Amino acid sequence: MSEFVERLEWLMFEQKLNKKMLAEKVSINATCISHYLLEKHAPTVEHLVKIADYFQCSTDYLLGREEENRSLKFKPCPPFREQLKFLTKHFHCSAYSIYTAPKTEKPESIISKSCYYSWVSQGRQPTVDNVIKLADHFGCRVDFILGREE
């Protein structure tokens, strides 16, 4: 998350924002912003998207997965359970292939079956870490996994 912190600090500096000002602009508690900047907590997916939307950048840029801050047009994220259905169709795969990785992958890079089913059946949001794992698994951008890309 150090890349996220560096990018967030830089974007705040560019726009002359302090933690409190950013928190007000993106409707996030200032304590959350402080925790993110101190690397005490990773942002939630919802907060990551709010911050990216405010700065008009991709979540991939904020997370340090892209070097260029391209100003792109993004759409609102659909509910994640719907996005999972889209991803399985788009990548021609089954749910099983999402939470079961080839033996060549490291165990820490695999999504757990319980996580997957909590997203599908309970409508829970994934963590940023799990969204990154999915993007790596499919070889695509985090914004694509979240359904933000036009």
N, C-alpha and C. Protein backbone atom coordinates (compact mmCIF):
# COMPACT_ATOMS: atom_id res chain seq x y z
N MET A 1 0.81 -1.20 0.00
CA MET A 1 0.00 0.00 0.00
C MET A 1 0.86 1.27 0.00
N SER A 2 2.17 1.12 0.06
CA SER A 2 3.02 2.31 0.07
C SER A 2 2.89 3.12 -1.22
N GLU A 3 2.69 2.43 -2.35
CA GLU A 3 2.46 3.15 -3.61
C GLU A 3 1.19 3.98 -3.53
N PHE A 4 0.15 3.40 -2.95
CA PHE A 4 -1.11 4.12 -2.78
C PHE A 4 -0.89 5.38 -1.96
N VAL A 5 -0.16 5.25 -0.85
CA VAL A 5 0.09 6.40 0.02
C VAL A 5 0.87 7.48 -0.72
N GLU A 6 1.91 7.08 -1.44
CA GLU A 6 2.70 8.06 -2.19
C GLU A 6 1.86 8.79 -3.22
N ARG A 7 1.05 8.05 -3.95
CA ARG A 7 0.21 8.67 -4.99
C ARG A 7 -0.82 9.59 -4.36
N LEU A 8 -1.44 9.13 -3.28
CA LEU A 8 -2.45 9.96 -2.62
C LEU A 8 -1.83 11.23 -2.08
N GLU A 9 -0.69 11.12 -1.43
CA GLU A 9 -0.01 12.31 -0.91
C GLU A 9 0.33 13.29 -2.03
N TRP A 10 0.81 12.76 -3.16
CA TRP A 10 1.17 13.61 -4.29
C TRP A 10 -0.06 14.32 -4.84
N LEU A 11 -1.15 13.59 -5.04
CA LEU A 11 -2.38 14.19 -5.56
C LEU A 11 -2.92 15.25 -4.60
N MET A 12 -2.85 14.98 -3.32
CA MET A 12 -3.29 15.96 -2.33
C MET A 12 -2.41 17.21 -2.38
N PHE A 13 -1.10 17.00 -2.50
CA PHE A 13 -0.16 18.12 -2.59
C PHE A 13 -0.44 18.96 -3.82
N GLU A 14 -0.66 18.31 -4.97
CA GLU A 14 -0.94 19.02 -6.21
C GLU A 14 -2.17 19.92 -6.10
N GLN A 15 -3.17 19.46 -5.36
CA GLN A 15 -4.41 20.23 -5.23
C GLN A 15 -4.49 21.00 -3.92
N LYS A 16 -3.36 21.03 -3.20
CA LYS A 16 -3.26 21.79 -1.94
C LYS A 16 -4.36 21.40 -0.95
N LEU A 17 -4.52 20.09 -0.78
CA LEU A 17 -5.53 19.57 0.14
C LEU A 17 -4.87 18.95 1.36
N ASN A 18 -5.46 19.18 2.52
CA ASN A 18 -5.02 18.44 3.70
C ASN A 18 -6.01 17.28 3.91
N LYS A 19 -5.76 16.46 4.91
CA LYS A 19 -6.61 15.28 5.14
C LYS A 19 -8.07 15.66 5.35
N LYS A 20 -8.28 16.68 6.14
CA LYS A 20 -9.65 17.09 6.45
C LYS A 20 -10.37 17.59 5.20
N MET A 21 -9.68 18.37 4.38
CA MET A 21 -10.29 18.90 3.16
C MET A 21 -10.65 17.76 2.20
N LEU A 22 -9.73 16.81 2.03
CA LEU A 22 -10.00 15.67 1.15
C LEU A 22 -11.19 14.87 1.69
N ALA A 23 -11.19 14.63 2.98
CA ALA A 23 -12.27 13.86 3.60
C ALA A 23 -13.63 14.51 3.31
N GLU A 24 -13.70 15.81 3.41
CA GLU A 24 -14.95 16.51 3.13
C GLU A 24 -15.34 16.39 1.65
N LYS A 25 -14.36 16.52 0.78
CA LYS A 25 -14.64 16.48 -0.67
C LYS A 25 -15.14 15.12 -1.13
N VAL A 26 -14.64 14.04 -0.50
CA VAL A 26 -15.01 12.69 -0.94
C VAL A 26 -15.99 11.99 0.00
N SER A 27 -16.45 12.71 1.01
CA SER A 27 -17.41 12.17 1.98
C SER A 27 -16.88 10.91 2.67
N ILE A 28 -15.66 11.02 3.15
CA ILE A 28 -15.03 9.95 3.92
C ILE A 28 -14.58 10.55 5.24
N ASN A 29 -14.68 9.82 6.31
CA ASN A 29 -14.24 10.29 7.60
C ASN A 29 -12.74 10.63 7.55
N ALA A 30 -12.35 11.77 8.11
CA ALA A 30 -10.95 12.20 8.10
C ALA A 30 -10.04 11.19 8.79
N THR A 31 -10.56 10.47 9.77
CA THR A 31 -9.77 9.44 10.45
C THR A 31 -9.38 8.33 9.47
N CYS A 32 -10.29 7.99 8.58
CA CYS A 32 -9.98 6.97 7.56
C CYS A 32 -8.83 7.44 6.68
N ILE A 33 -8.90 8.69 6.23
CA ILE A 33 -7.83 9.23 5.38
C ILE A 33 -6.51 9.18 6.14
N SER A 34 -6.52 9.56 7.41
CA SER A 34 -5.30 9.50 8.23
C SER A 34 -4.76 8.08 8.32
N HIS A 35 -5.65 7.13 8.54
CA HIS A 35 -5.21 5.72 8.64
C HIS A 35 -4.62 5.23 7.33
N TYR A 36 -5.20 5.66 6.21
CA TYR A 36 -4.66 5.27 4.91
C TYR A 36 -3.25 5.85 4.73
N LEU A 37 -3.10 7.13 5.06
CA LEU A 37 -1.81 7.79 4.88
C LEU A 37 -0.74 7.25 5.82
N LEU A 38 -1.14 6.75 6.96
CA LEU A 38 -0.19 6.15 7.91
C LEU A 38 -0.01 4.65 7.67
N GLU A 39 -0.69 4.13 6.65
CA GLU A 39 -0.67 2.71 6.30
C GLU A 39 -1.15 1.80 7.43
N LYS A 40 -2.07 2.33 8.25
CA LYS A 40 -2.67 1.51 9.29
C LYS A 40 -3.75 0.61 8.71
N HIS A 41 -4.43 1.10 7.68
CA HIS A 41 -5.49 0.35 7.01
C HIS A 41 -5.40 0.58 5.52
N ALA A 42 -5.79 -0.42 4.77
CA ALA A 42 -5.95 -0.25 3.33
C ALA A 42 -7.34 0.34 3.11
N PRO A 43 -7.50 1.11 2.06
CA PRO A 43 -8.84 1.67 1.82
C PRO A 43 -9.82 0.57 1.43
N THR A 44 -11.07 0.82 1.70
CA THR A 44 -12.11 -0.09 1.20
C THR A 44 -12.21 0.17 -0.30
N VAL A 45 -12.84 -0.74 -1.02
CA VAL A 45 -13.05 -0.54 -2.45
C VAL A 45 -13.88 0.72 -2.67
N GLU A 46 -14.90 0.90 -1.87
CA GLU A 46 -15.75 2.08 -1.99
C GLU A 46 -14.94 3.37 -1.83
N HIS A 47 -14.07 3.42 -0.83
CA HIS A 47 -13.26 4.62 -0.60
C HIS A 47 -12.23 4.81 -1.70
N LEU A 48 -11.64 3.72 -2.15
CA LEU A 48 -10.67 3.80 -3.25
C LEU A 48 -11.31 4.42 -4.48
N VAL A 49 -12.53 3.99 -4.81
CA VAL A 49 -13.24 4.51 -5.97
C VAL A 49 -13.61 5.98 -5.77
N LYS A 50 -14.06 6.34 -4.57
CA LYS A 50 -14.40 7.75 -4.30
C LYS A 50 -13.17 8.65 -4.49
N ILE A 51 -12.04 8.20 -3.99
CA ILE A 51 -10.81 9.00 -4.12
C ILE A 51 -10.38 9.09 -5.58
N ALA A 52 -10.43 7.97 -6.28
CA ALA A 52 -10.07 7.97 -7.71
C ALA A 52 -11.01 8.87 -8.50
N ASP A 53 -12.30 8.80 -8.21
CA ASP A 53 -13.27 9.65 -8.89
C ASP A 53 -12.98 11.13 -8.63
N TYR A 54 -12.68 11.47 -7.39
CA TYR A 54 -12.40 12.87 -7.07
C TYR A 54 -11.19 13.39 -7.85
N PHE A 55 -10.13 12.59 -7.88
CA PHE A 55 -8.91 13.01 -8.56
C PHE A 55 -8.94 12.71 -10.07
N GLN A 56 -10.03 12.15 -10.54
CA GLN A 56 -10.21 11.81 -11.96
C GLN A 56 -9.04 10.98 -12.48
N CYS A 57 -8.76 9.91 -11.73
CA CYS A 57 -7.70 9.00 -12.13
C CYS A 57 -8.20 7.57 -11.97
N SER A 58 -7.44 6.65 -12.46
CA SER A 58 -7.84 5.25 -12.33
C SER A 58 -7.46 4.72 -10.94
N THR A 59 -8.15 3.70 -10.52
CA THR A 59 -7.76 3.04 -9.27
C THR A 59 -6.40 2.38 -9.46
N ASP A 60 -6.13 1.94 -10.68
CA ASP A 60 -4.83 1.33 -10.98
C ASP A 60 -3.69 2.32 -10.76
N TYR A 61 -3.90 3.58 -11.17
CA TYR A 61 -2.89 4.60 -10.93
C TYR A 61 -2.71 4.82 -9.42
N LEU A 62 -3.82 4.97 -8.71
CA LEU A 62 -3.74 5.19 -7.26
C LEU A 62 -3.01 4.06 -6.54
N LEU A 63 -3.20 2.84 -7.01
CA LEU A 63 -2.58 1.68 -6.37
C LEU A 63 -1.14 1.44 -6.83
N GLY A 64 -0.65 2.26 -7.76
CA GLY A 64 0.71 2.11 -8.24
C GLY A 64 0.86 1.02 -9.29
N ARG A 65 -0.24 0.59 -9.88
CA ARG A 65 -0.20 -0.45 -10.92
C ARG A 65 0.00 0.14 -12.31
N GLU A 66 -0.16 1.45 -12.44
CA GLU A 66 0.09 2.17 -13.69
C GLU A 66 0.94 3.38 -13.36
N GLU A 67 1.85 3.71 -14.26
CA GLU A 67 2.72 4.86 -14.03
C GLU A 67 2.08 6.18 -14.47
N GLU A 68 1.23 6.12 -15.47
CA GLU A 68 0.67 7.33 -16.04
C GLU A 68 -0.70 7.62 -15.44
N ASN A 69 -0.90 8.86 -15.06
CA ASN A 69 -2.20 9.30 -14.53
C ASN A 69 -3.03 9.79 -15.70
N ARG A 70 -3.69 8.85 -16.35
CA ARG A 70 -4.53 9.21 -17.49
C ARG A 70 -5.90 9.62 -16.98
N SER A 71 -6.37 10.72 -17.49
CA SER A 71 -7.71 11.17 -17.12
C SER A 71 -8.70 10.46 -18.04
N LEU A 72 -9.38 9.49 -17.51
CA LEU A 72 -10.32 8.69 -18.28
C LEU A 72 -11.73 8.91 -17.74
N LYS A 73 -12.70 8.50 -18.53
CA LYS A 73 -14.08 8.58 -18.07
C LYS A 73 -14.47 7.22 -17.49
N PHE A 74 -14.99 7.24 -16.29
CA PHE A 74 -15.38 6.01 -15.63
C PHE A 74 -16.87 6.03 -15.34
N LYS A 75 -17.44 4.84 -15.31
CA LYS A 75 -18.86 4.72 -14.97
C LYS A 75 -18.97 4.25 -13.52
N PRO A 76 -20.14 4.43 -12.91
CA PRO A 76 -20.33 3.94 -11.54
C PRO A 76 -20.16 2.42 -11.49
N CYS A 77 -19.60 1.94 -10.41
CA CYS A 77 -19.39 0.50 -10.24
C CYS A 77 -20.73 -0.20 -10.03
N PRO A 78 -20.95 -1.28 -10.75
CA PRO A 78 -22.15 -2.08 -10.49
C PRO A 78 -21.96 -2.86 -9.19
N PRO A 79 -23.03 -3.41 -8.63
CA PRO A 79 -22.84 -4.28 -7.46
C PRO A 79 -21.84 -5.39 -7.82
N PHE A 80 -20.97 -5.72 -6.89
CA PHE A 80 -19.87 -6.64 -7.21
C PHE A 80 -20.37 -8.02 -7.61
N ARG A 81 -21.46 -8.48 -7.03
CA ARG A 81 -21.98 -9.81 -7.41
C ARG A 81 -22.36 -9.81 -8.89
N GLU A 82 -22.91 -8.69 -9.40
CA GLU A 82 -23.23 -8.60 -10.83
C GLU A 82 -21.96 -8.55 -11.67
N GLN A 83 -20.97 -7.85 -11.16
CA GLN A 83 -19.70 -7.75 -11.89
C GLN A 83 -19.02 -9.11 -11.98
N LEU A 84 -19.15 -9.93 -10.95
CA LEU A 84 -18.58 -11.28 -11.00
C LEU A 84 -19.22 -12.10 -12.11
N LYS A 85 -20.53 -11.98 -12.26
CA LYS A 85 -21.21 -12.69 -13.35
C LYS A 85 -20.67 -12.23 -14.70
N PHE A 86 -20.50 -10.91 -14.84
CA PHE A 86 -19.95 -10.37 -16.08
C PHE A 86 -18.54 -10.91 -16.33
N LEU A 87 -17.71 -10.93 -15.29
CA LEU A 87 -16.32 -11.39 -15.44
C LEU A 87 -16.25 -12.85 -15.88
N THR A 88 -17.09 -13.71 -15.27
CA THR A 88 -17.06 -15.12 -15.66
C THR A 88 -17.50 -15.29 -17.12
N LYS A 89 -18.46 -14.48 -17.56
CA LYS A 89 -18.88 -14.53 -18.97
C LYS A 89 -17.77 -13.99 -19.87
N HIS A 90 -17.25 -12.84 -19.50
CA HIS A 90 -16.24 -12.17 -20.32
C HIS A 90 -14.99 -13.03 -20.50
N PHE A 91 -14.54 -13.65 -19.41
CA PHE A 91 -13.32 -14.45 -19.46
C PHE A 91 -13.60 -15.93 -19.73
N HIS A 92 -14.86 -16.29 -20.00
CA HIS A 92 -15.25 -17.68 -20.32
C HIS A 92 -14.70 -18.64 -19.26
N CYS A 93 -15.06 -18.36 -18.03
CA CYS A 93 -14.57 -19.21 -16.95
C CYS A 93 -15.70 -19.51 -15.97
N SER A 94 -15.44 -20.42 -15.08
CA SER A 94 -16.41 -20.77 -14.05
C SER A 94 -16.02 -20.11 -12.74
N ALA A 95 -16.96 -20.12 -11.81
CA ALA A 95 -16.66 -19.63 -10.47
C ALA A 95 -15.50 -20.43 -9.88
N TYR A 96 -15.51 -21.72 -10.13
CA TYR A 96 -14.46 -22.60 -9.60
C TYR A 96 -13.07 -22.12 -10.02
N SER A 97 -12.95 -21.66 -11.26
CA SER A 97 -11.63 -21.22 -11.73
C SER A 97 -11.19 -19.91 -11.08
N ILE A 98 -12.14 -19.17 -10.52
CA ILE A 98 -11.79 -17.93 -9.84
C ILE A 98 -11.17 -18.21 -8.47
N TYR A 99 -11.72 -19.17 -7.75
CA TYR A 99 -11.17 -19.45 -6.42
C TYR A 99 -10.24 -20.66 -6.39
N THR A 100 -9.98 -21.25 -7.51
CA THR A 100 -9.01 -22.33 -7.59
C THR A 100 -7.99 -21.96 -8.66
N ALA A 101 -6.76 -21.80 -8.26
CA ALA A 101 -5.72 -21.39 -9.19
C ALA A 101 -4.82 -22.56 -9.54
N PRO A 102 -4.13 -22.45 -10.66
CA PRO A 102 -3.18 -23.51 -10.99
C PRO A 102 -2.13 -23.68 -9.89
N LYS A 103 -1.58 -24.86 -9.78
CA LYS A 103 -0.60 -25.14 -8.72
C LYS A 103 0.64 -24.25 -8.82
N THR A 104 0.84 -23.63 -9.98
CA THR A 104 2.00 -22.76 -10.14
C THR A 104 1.84 -21.44 -9.40
N GLU A 105 0.61 -21.06 -9.08
CA GLU A 105 0.39 -19.81 -8.36
C GLU A 105 0.66 -19.99 -6.87
N LYS A 106 1.09 -18.90 -6.25
CA LYS A 106 1.36 -18.92 -4.81
C LYS A 106 0.03 -18.97 -4.07
N PRO A 107 -0.04 -19.71 -2.96
CA PRO A 107 -1.30 -19.80 -2.20
C PRO A 107 -1.87 -18.44 -1.79
N GLU A 108 -1.00 -17.46 -1.50
CA GLU A 108 -1.50 -16.16 -1.08
C GLU A 108 -2.11 -15.36 -2.24
N SER A 109 -1.95 -15.85 -3.46
CA SER A 109 -2.53 -15.14 -4.60
C SER A 109 -3.88 -15.72 -5.02
N ILE A 110 -4.39 -16.66 -4.24
CA ILE A 110 -5.65 -17.31 -4.58
C ILE A 110 -6.80 -16.73 -3.75
N ILE A 111 -7.92 -16.51 -4.39
CA ILE A 111 -9.13 -16.05 -3.70
C ILE A 111 -9.73 -17.26 -2.99
N SER A 112 -10.15 -17.08 -1.76
CA SER A 112 -10.74 -18.21 -1.05
C SER A 112 -12.17 -18.44 -1.52
N LYS A 113 -12.60 -19.68 -1.43
CA LYS A 113 -13.96 -20.06 -1.81
C LYS A 113 -14.98 -19.31 -0.96
N SER A 114 -14.68 -19.17 0.33
CA SER A 114 -15.62 -18.46 1.22
C SER A 114 -15.74 -16.98 0.84
N CYS A 115 -14.65 -16.36 0.42
CA CYS A 115 -14.72 -14.96 -0.04
C CYS A 115 -15.61 -14.86 -1.26
N TYR A 116 -15.36 -15.73 -2.22
CA TYR A 116 -16.14 -15.70 -3.45
C TYR A 116 -17.63 -15.83 -3.14
N TYR A 117 -17.98 -16.80 -2.32
CA TYR A 117 -19.41 -17.01 -2.04
C TYR A 117 -20.01 -15.91 -1.17
N SER A 118 -19.21 -15.24 -0.35
CA SER A 118 -19.75 -14.10 0.41
C SER A 118 -20.05 -12.93 -0.54
N TRP A 119 -19.27 -12.80 -1.61
CA TRP A 119 -19.54 -11.76 -2.60
C TRP A 119 -20.82 -12.08 -3.37
N VAL A 120 -20.97 -13.34 -3.75
CA VAL A 120 -22.10 -13.74 -4.59
C VAL A 120 -23.39 -13.85 -3.78
N SER A 121 -23.36 -14.57 -2.67
CA SER A 121 -24.60 -14.84 -1.95
C SER A 121 -24.98 -13.76 -0.95
N GLN A 122 -23.99 -13.10 -0.35
CA GLN A 122 -24.30 -12.11 0.67
C GLN A 122 -24.12 -10.68 0.19
N GLY A 123 -23.64 -10.53 -1.04
CA GLY A 123 -23.47 -9.19 -1.59
C GLY A 123 -22.36 -8.38 -0.94
N ARG A 124 -21.42 -9.04 -0.30
CA ARG A 124 -20.31 -8.33 0.34
C ARG A 124 -19.36 -7.77 -0.71
N GLN A 125 -18.68 -6.71 -0.33
CA GLN A 125 -17.68 -6.11 -1.19
C GLN A 125 -16.33 -6.78 -0.95
N PRO A 126 -15.53 -6.95 -1.99
CA PRO A 126 -14.20 -7.52 -1.80
C PRO A 126 -13.26 -6.49 -1.17
N THR A 127 -12.16 -6.96 -0.64
CA THR A 127 -11.13 -6.04 -0.18
C THR A 127 -10.34 -5.57 -1.40
N VAL A 128 -9.61 -4.51 -1.24
CA VAL A 128 -8.76 -4.02 -2.33
C VAL A 128 -7.75 -5.11 -2.69
N ASP A 129 -7.22 -5.79 -1.69
CA ASP A 129 -6.25 -6.86 -1.94
C ASP A 129 -6.84 -7.96 -2.83
N ASN A 130 -8.08 -8.34 -2.56
CA ASN A 130 -8.73 -9.38 -3.37
C ASN A 130 -9.04 -8.90 -4.79
N VAL A 131 -9.36 -7.63 -4.93
CA VAL A 131 -9.60 -7.09 -6.27
C VAL A 131 -8.30 -7.11 -7.07
N ILE A 132 -7.19 -6.79 -6.41
CA ILE A 132 -5.88 -6.84 -7.07
C ILE A 132 -5.57 -8.29 -7.48
N LYS A 133 -5.87 -9.24 -6.61
CA LYS A 133 -5.65 -10.65 -6.94
C LYS A 133 -6.46 -11.06 -8.18
N LEU A 134 -7.70 -10.61 -8.25
CA LEU A 134 -8.53 -10.91 -9.41
C LEU A 134 -7.96 -10.28 -10.68
N ALA A 135 -7.52 -9.04 -10.57
CA ALA A 135 -6.93 -8.36 -11.73
C ALA A 135 -5.68 -9.10 -12.20
N ASP A 136 -4.87 -9.54 -11.26
CA ASP A 136 -3.67 -10.32 -11.62
C ASP A 136 -4.05 -11.65 -12.24
N HIS A 137 -5.04 -12.30 -11.65
CA HIS A 137 -5.50 -13.60 -12.15
C HIS A 137 -5.98 -13.51 -13.60
N PHE A 138 -6.73 -12.46 -13.91
CA PHE A 138 -7.28 -12.31 -15.25
C PHE A 138 -6.37 -11.50 -16.18
N GLY A 139 -5.32 -10.90 -15.62
CA GLY A 139 -4.42 -10.11 -16.45
C GLY A 139 -5.07 -8.84 -16.97
N CYS A 140 -5.79 -8.15 -16.08
CA CYS A 140 -6.47 -6.93 -16.51
C CYS A 140 -6.32 -5.85 -15.44
N ARG A 141 -6.97 -4.74 -15.66
CA ARG A 141 -6.89 -3.61 -14.74
C ARG A 141 -7.88 -3.78 -13.59
N VAL A 142 -7.56 -3.17 -12.46
CA VAL A 142 -8.46 -3.16 -11.30
C VAL A 142 -9.77 -2.48 -11.69
N ASP A 143 -9.69 -1.40 -12.44
CA ASP A 143 -10.90 -0.71 -12.86
C ASP A 143 -11.82 -1.61 -13.69
N PHE A 144 -11.26 -2.51 -14.47
CA PHE A 144 -12.08 -3.45 -15.23
C PHE A 144 -12.76 -4.43 -14.29
N ILE A 145 -12.03 -4.93 -13.30
CA ILE A 145 -12.60 -5.87 -12.32
C ILE A 145 -13.77 -5.19 -11.59
N LEU A 146 -13.63 -3.92 -11.27
CA LEU A 146 -14.67 -3.21 -10.53
C LEU A 146 -15.84 -2.76 -11.43
N GLY A 147 -15.67 -2.84 -12.73
CA GLY A 147 -16.74 -2.44 -13.63
C GLY A 147 -16.80 -0.95 -13.88
N ARG A 148 -15.69 -0.25 -13.64
CA ARG A 148 -15.65 1.21 -13.82
C ARG A 148 -15.36 1.63 -15.24
N GLU A 149 -14.69 0.78 -16.00
CA GLU A 149 -14.25 1.19 -17.33
C GLU A 149 -15.42 1.28 -18.30
N GLU A 150 -15.37 2.28 -19.14
CA GLU A 150 -16.39 2.46 -20.18
C GLU A 150 -16.25 1.37 -21.23
